[in-house]
């Protein structure tokens, strides 16, 4: 808890990190929430699925993924990780202490953004558990990939380069799955943002007959959590590369 509280203060005090983690996602979410046109009942519901999906994608990409990568890379470069490891904290406690703050920030931001969207006309989800699975699973996925990406990120400055490939895949998968809707192909769902977008779509369009689709999306998302996590455990470094 002490490490997490300290890390949260460092993120908020860092202007670049705070802009990416706090301002950018909320600004995007607010814009989408209040710029959504009125298309009638059916069209409005479909449009709001797009809005919420893009809002969640922005939170996962900026607040969780990029912030996690920057935090671990910067703390490693400053030898902060090495100093922490020489103390009484376990390795798991140190890693969780750095990884948890971006996840907490994303949950708080999502609550604010969904509140603004509710004021703008967002209907309540039919199957809220799919939305919870998308947010929780997507957050864990981006956190795990962020820790993994930090392994080959020399410092906070180079994070804008090393985070680009996965960030692009996240957005591309999100958009492709949104455009395809219920006809999304397995390839589109396998992309990191595809399974998240599918779960969010099911949260608002579920009619009780989509258990198999939700199970498949959850299974893919679980794979995106476990595989990067295993790779991060095998390759994680506590000190900078020489």
Protein backbone atom coordinates (compact mmCIF):
# COMPACT_ATOMS: atom_id res chain seq x y z
CA UNK A 1 0.00 0.00 0.00
CA UNK A 2 2.84 2.40 0.79
CA UNK A 3 4.46 1.76 -2.61
CA UNK A 4 1.12 2.19 -4.38
CA UNK A 5 0.38 5.47 -2.59
CA UNK A 6 3.85 6.80 -3.38
CA UNK A 7 3.54 5.78 -7.02
CA UNK A 8 0.15 7.45 -7.32
CA UNK A 9 1.63 10.72 -6.03
CA UNK A 10 4.50 10.47 -8.52
CA UNK A 11 2.12 9.91 -11.42
CA UNK A 12 -0.02 12.89 -10.47
CA UNK A 13 3.01 15.17 -9.99
CA UNK A 14 4.55 14.23 -13.34
CA UNK A 15 2.96 16.59 -15.86
CA UNK A 16 3.42 14.36 -18.90
CA UNK A 17 2.18 11.26 -17.11
CA UNK A 18 -0.72 13.14 -15.55
CA UNK A 19 -1.77 14.51 -18.94
CA UNK A 20 -1.78 11.02 -20.47
CA UNK A 21 -3.29 9.24 -17.49
CA UNK A 22 -5.79 11.83 -16.27
CA UNK A 23 -6.60 14.57 -18.76
CA UNK A 24 -6.53 12.82 -22.14
CA UNK A 25 -8.98 9.97 -21.42
CA UNK A 26 -11.42 12.20 -19.55
CA UNK A 27 -11.30 14.84 -22.31
CA UNK A 28 -11.98 12.21 -24.97
CA UNK A 29 -14.74 10.66 -22.89
CA UNK A 30 -16.42 13.99 -22.19
CA UNK A 31 -16.28 15.00 -25.86
CA UNK A 32 -17.84 11.72 -26.97
CA UNK A 33 -20.48 11.87 -24.24
CA UNK A 34 -21.79 15.33 -25.06
CA UNK A 35 -21.29 15.29 -28.84
CA UNK A 36 -23.44 12.19 -29.41
CA UNK A 37 -26.29 13.12 -31.80
CA UNK A 38 -29.90 11.97 -31.42
CA UNK A 39 -30.57 9.15 -33.92
CA UNK A 40 -33.75 7.72 -32.47
CA UNK A 41 -34.15 4.90 -29.97
CA UNK A 42 -32.51 2.06 -31.94
CA UNK A 43 -29.84 4.17 -33.61
CA UNK A 44 -29.10 5.92 -30.33
CA UNK A 45 -28.49 2.61 -28.52
CA UNK A 46 -26.10 1.41 -31.23
CA UNK A 47 -24.27 4.73 -31.24
CA UNK A 48 -23.82 4.68 -27.47
CA UNK A 49 -22.16 1.27 -27.75
CA UNK A 50 -19.57 2.92 -30.00
CA UNK A 51 -19.16 5.82 -27.58
CA UNK A 52 -18.62 3.65 -24.49
CA UNK A 53 -16.26 1.33 -26.39
CA UNK A 54 -14.08 4.23 -27.50
CA UNK A 55 -14.13 5.68 -23.98
CA UNK A 56 -12.97 2.39 -22.46
CA UNK A 57 -10.31 1.94 -25.17
CA UNK A 58 -8.92 5.40 -24.39
CA UNK A 59 -8.76 4.60 -20.67
CA UNK A 60 -7.06 1.26 -21.24
CA UNK A 61 -4.56 2.68 -23.72
CA UNK A 62 -3.59 5.91 -22.00
CA UNK A 63 -4.28 5.45 -18.29
CA UNK A 64 -3.34 1.79 -17.89
CA UNK A 65 -0.99 0.71 -20.67
CA UNK A 66 1.15 3.77 -21.38
CA UNK A 67 1.24 4.93 -17.74
CA UNK A 68 2.27 1.46 -16.52
CA UNK A 69 5.03 1.26 -19.12
CA UNK A 70 6.35 4.72 -18.25
CA UNK A 71 6.22 4.05 -14.50
CA UNK A 72 8.17 0.79 -14.62
CA UNK A 73 10.69 2.08 -17.17
CA UNK A 74 11.34 5.29 -15.24
CA UNK A 75 11.63 3.57 -11.86
CA UNK A 76 14.02 1.01 -13.33
CA UNK A 77 16.14 3.71 -14.98
CA UNK A 78 16.33 5.64 -11.68
CA UNK A 79 17.38 2.44 -9.85
CA UNK A 80 14.25 2.82 -7.72
CA UNK A 81 13.21 -0.78 -8.40
CA UNK A 82 16.62 -2.04 -7.32
CA UNK A 83 16.46 -0.03 -4.08
CA UNK A 84 12.97 -1.30 -3.32
CA UNK A 85 14.07 -4.88 -3.86
CA UNK A 86 16.87 -4.46 -1.33
CA UNK A 87 14.28 -3.61 1.33
CA UNK A 88 11.73 -5.72 3.16
CA UNK A 89 9.07 -5.74 0.43
CA UNK A 90 8.58 -8.91 -1.62
CA UNK A 91 8.97 -8.85 -5.41
CA UNK A 92 5.22 -9.31 -5.86
CA UNK A 93 4.41 -6.45 -3.47
CA UNK A 94 6.76 -4.11 -5.36
CA UNK A 95 5.30 -4.96 -8.77
CA UNK A 96 1.72 -4.67 -7.52
CA UNK A 97 2.56 -1.39 -5.83
CA UNK A 98 3.58 0.09 -9.17
CA UNK A 99 0.89 -1.59 -11.27
CA UNK A 100 -2.19 -0.95 -9.12
CA UNK A 101 -2.35 2.91 -9.24
CA UNK A 102 -3.01 3.12 -13.02
CA UNK A 103 -5.74 0.48 -12.63
CA UNK A 104 -7.39 2.44 -9.81
CA UNK A 105 -7.17 5.65 -11.82
CA UNK A 106 -8.85 3.98 -14.79
CA UNK A 107 -11.75 2.74 -12.64
CA UNK A 108 -12.31 6.19 -11.14
CA UNK A 109 -12.12 7.82 -14.57
CA UNK A 110 -14.56 5.29 -16.01
CA UNK A 111 -17.05 6.08 -13.25
CA UNK A 112 -16.77 9.79 -14.05
CA UNK A 113 -17.05 9.25 -17.81
CA UNK A 114 -20.02 6.90 -17.55
CA UNK A 115 -21.67 9.42 -15.25
CA UNK A 116 -21.22 12.15 -17.86
CA UNK A 117 -22.48 9.77 -20.55
CA UNK A 118 -25.52 8.99 -18.41
CA UNK A 119 -26.30 12.70 -18.28
CA UNK A 120 -25.88 12.77 -22.06
CA UNK A 121 -28.40 9.95 -22.56
CA UNK A 122 -26.50 6.67 -22.11
CA UNK A 123 -28.99 3.86 -21.37
CA UNK A 124 -28.25 1.32 -18.64
CA UNK A 125 -26.55 -1.86 -19.88
CA UNK A 126 -28.71 -4.97 -20.17
CA UNK A 127 -25.90 -7.24 -18.99
CA UNK A 128 -23.61 -5.19 -16.74
CA UNK A 129 -21.39 -8.21 -16.06
CA UNK A 130 -20.09 -8.10 -19.63
CA UNK A 131 -19.06 -4.47 -19.11
CA UNK A 132 -17.37 -5.41 -15.82
CA UNK A 133 -15.53 -8.25 -17.57
CA UNK A 134 -14.39 -5.91 -20.35
CA UNK A 135 -13.08 -3.29 -17.92
CA UNK A 136 -11.45 -5.73 -15.48
CA UNK A 137 -10.00 -8.00 -18.15
CA UNK A 138 -8.91 -5.12 -20.35
CA UNK A 139 -7.26 -3.41 -17.41
CA UNK A 140 -5.33 -6.54 -16.43
CA UNK A 141 -4.35 -7.10 -20.06
CA UNK A 142 -2.98 -3.58 -20.53
CA UNK A 143 -1.25 -3.69 -17.16
CA UNK A 144 0.47 -7.00 -17.98
CA UNK A 145 1.49 -5.81 -21.45
CA UNK A 146 2.68 -2.53 -19.94
CA UNK A 147 5.00 -4.35 -17.53
CA UNK A 148 6.25 -6.48 -20.43
CA UNK A 149 6.80 -3.46 -22.69
CA UNK A 150 8.80 -1.72 -19.96
CA UNK A 151 11.38 -4.52 -20.14
CA UNK A 152 12.75 -3.15 -23.44
CA UNK A 153 11.92 0.51 -22.70
CA UNK A 154 15.06 2.36 -21.59
CA UNK A 155 13.26 5.28 -20.01
CA UNK A 156 10.13 7.40 -19.95
CA UNK A 157 11.18 9.24 -23.12
CA UNK A 158 11.45 6.10 -25.25
CA UNK A 159 8.05 4.83 -24.07
CA UNK A 160 6.31 6.82 -26.80
CA UNK A 161 8.08 4.56 -29.31
CA UNK A 162 7.92 1.20 -27.56
CA UNK A 163 4.23 1.53 -26.68
CA UNK A 164 3.15 2.41 -30.23
CA UNK A 165 2.75 -1.15 -31.64
CA UNK A 166 0.43 -2.50 -28.95
CA UNK A 167 -1.44 0.81 -28.66
CA UNK A 168 -2.09 0.66 -32.41
CA UNK A 169 -3.28 -2.96 -32.17
CA UNK A 170 -5.57 -2.04 -29.28
CA UNK A 171 -7.24 0.76 -31.21
CA UNK A 172 -7.33 -1.18 -34.49
CA UNK A 173 -8.91 -4.21 -32.83
CA UNK A 174 -11.46 -1.99 -31.12
CA UNK A 175 -12.52 -0.22 -34.32
CA UNK A 176 -12.62 -3.38 -36.44
CA UNK A 177 -14.75 -5.23 -33.89
CA UNK A 178 -17.09 -2.26 -33.52
CA UNK A 179 -17.59 -1.99 -37.27
CA UNK A 180 -18.25 -5.72 -37.61
CA UNK A 181 -20.63 -5.88 -34.65
CA UNK A 182 -22.15 -9.35 -34.15
CA UNK A 183 -20.45 -10.50 -37.37
CA UNK A 184 -16.93 -9.97 -36.04
CA UNK A 185 -14.53 -12.64 -37.27
CA UNK A 186 -12.27 -14.69 -34.97
CA UNK A 187 -9.28 -12.71 -36.25
CA UNK A 188 -10.90 -9.42 -35.28
CA UNK A 189 -11.75 -10.74 -31.81
CA UNK A 190 -8.23 -12.07 -31.26
CA UNK A 191 -6.79 -8.56 -31.56
CA UNK A 192 -6.36 -7.02 -28.08
CA UNK A 193 -9.14 -4.47 -28.47
CA UNK A 194 -11.49 -6.81 -30.30
CA UNK A 195 -12.50 -8.97 -27.35
CA UNK A 196 -13.00 -5.88 -25.17
CA UNK A 197 -15.22 -4.25 -27.80
CA UNK A 198 -17.24 -7.46 -28.16
CA UNK A 199 -17.91 -7.67 -24.41
CA UNK A 200 -19.00 -4.03 -24.30
CA UNK A 201 -21.33 -4.61 -27.27
CA UNK A 202 -22.86 -7.60 -25.49
CA UNK A 203 -23.37 -5.51 -22.34
CA UNK A 204 -25.86 -3.30 -24.18
CA UNK A 205 -27.26 -5.65 -26.82
CA UNK A 206 -27.41 -8.97 -24.95
CA UNK A 207 -30.77 -10.73 -25.27
CA UNK A 208 -29.95 -13.77 -23.16
CA UNK A 209 -28.81 -15.86 -26.13
CA UNK A 210 -25.20 -14.78 -26.39
CA UNK A 211 -23.57 -16.77 -23.60
CA UNK A 212 -21.27 -18.52 -26.08
CA UNK A 213 -20.13 -15.23 -27.62
CA UNK A 214 -19.39 -13.79 -24.20
CA UNK A 215 -17.53 -16.92 -23.13
CA UNK A 216 -15.36 -16.84 -26.25
CA UNK A 217 -14.50 -13.16 -25.77
CA UNK A 218 -13.65 -13.74 -22.09
CA UNK A 219 -11.43 -16.69 -23.01
CA UNK A 220 -9.52 -14.61 -25.57
CA UNK A 221 -9.15 -11.77 -23.08
CA UNK A 222 -7.86 -14.19 -20.44
CA UNK A 223 -5.22 -15.33 -22.92
CA UNK A 224 -4.15 -11.72 -23.44
CA UNK A 225 -3.69 -11.45 -19.67
CA UNK A 226 -1.89 -14.73 -19.00
CA UNK A 227 0.56 -14.79 -21.93
CA UNK A 228 2.06 -11.29 -21.43
CA UNK A 229 2.16 -11.94 -17.70
CA UNK A 230 4.18 -15.13 -18.16
CA UNK A 231 6.54 -13.38 -20.59
CA UNK A 232 6.94 -10.45 -18.18
CA UNK A 233 7.83 -12.81 -15.33
CA UNK A 234 10.50 -14.51 -17.45
CA UNK A 235 12.07 -11.33 -18.81
CA UNK A 236 11.54 -8.76 -16.03
CA UNK A 237 14.60 -6.70 -15.09
CA UNK A 238 15.16 -4.86 -11.81
CA UNK A 239 18.06 -2.75 -13.07
CA UNK A 240 18.68 -0.92 -16.37
CA UNK A 241 20.31 -2.61 -19.31
CA UNK A 242 24.00 -1.84 -19.50
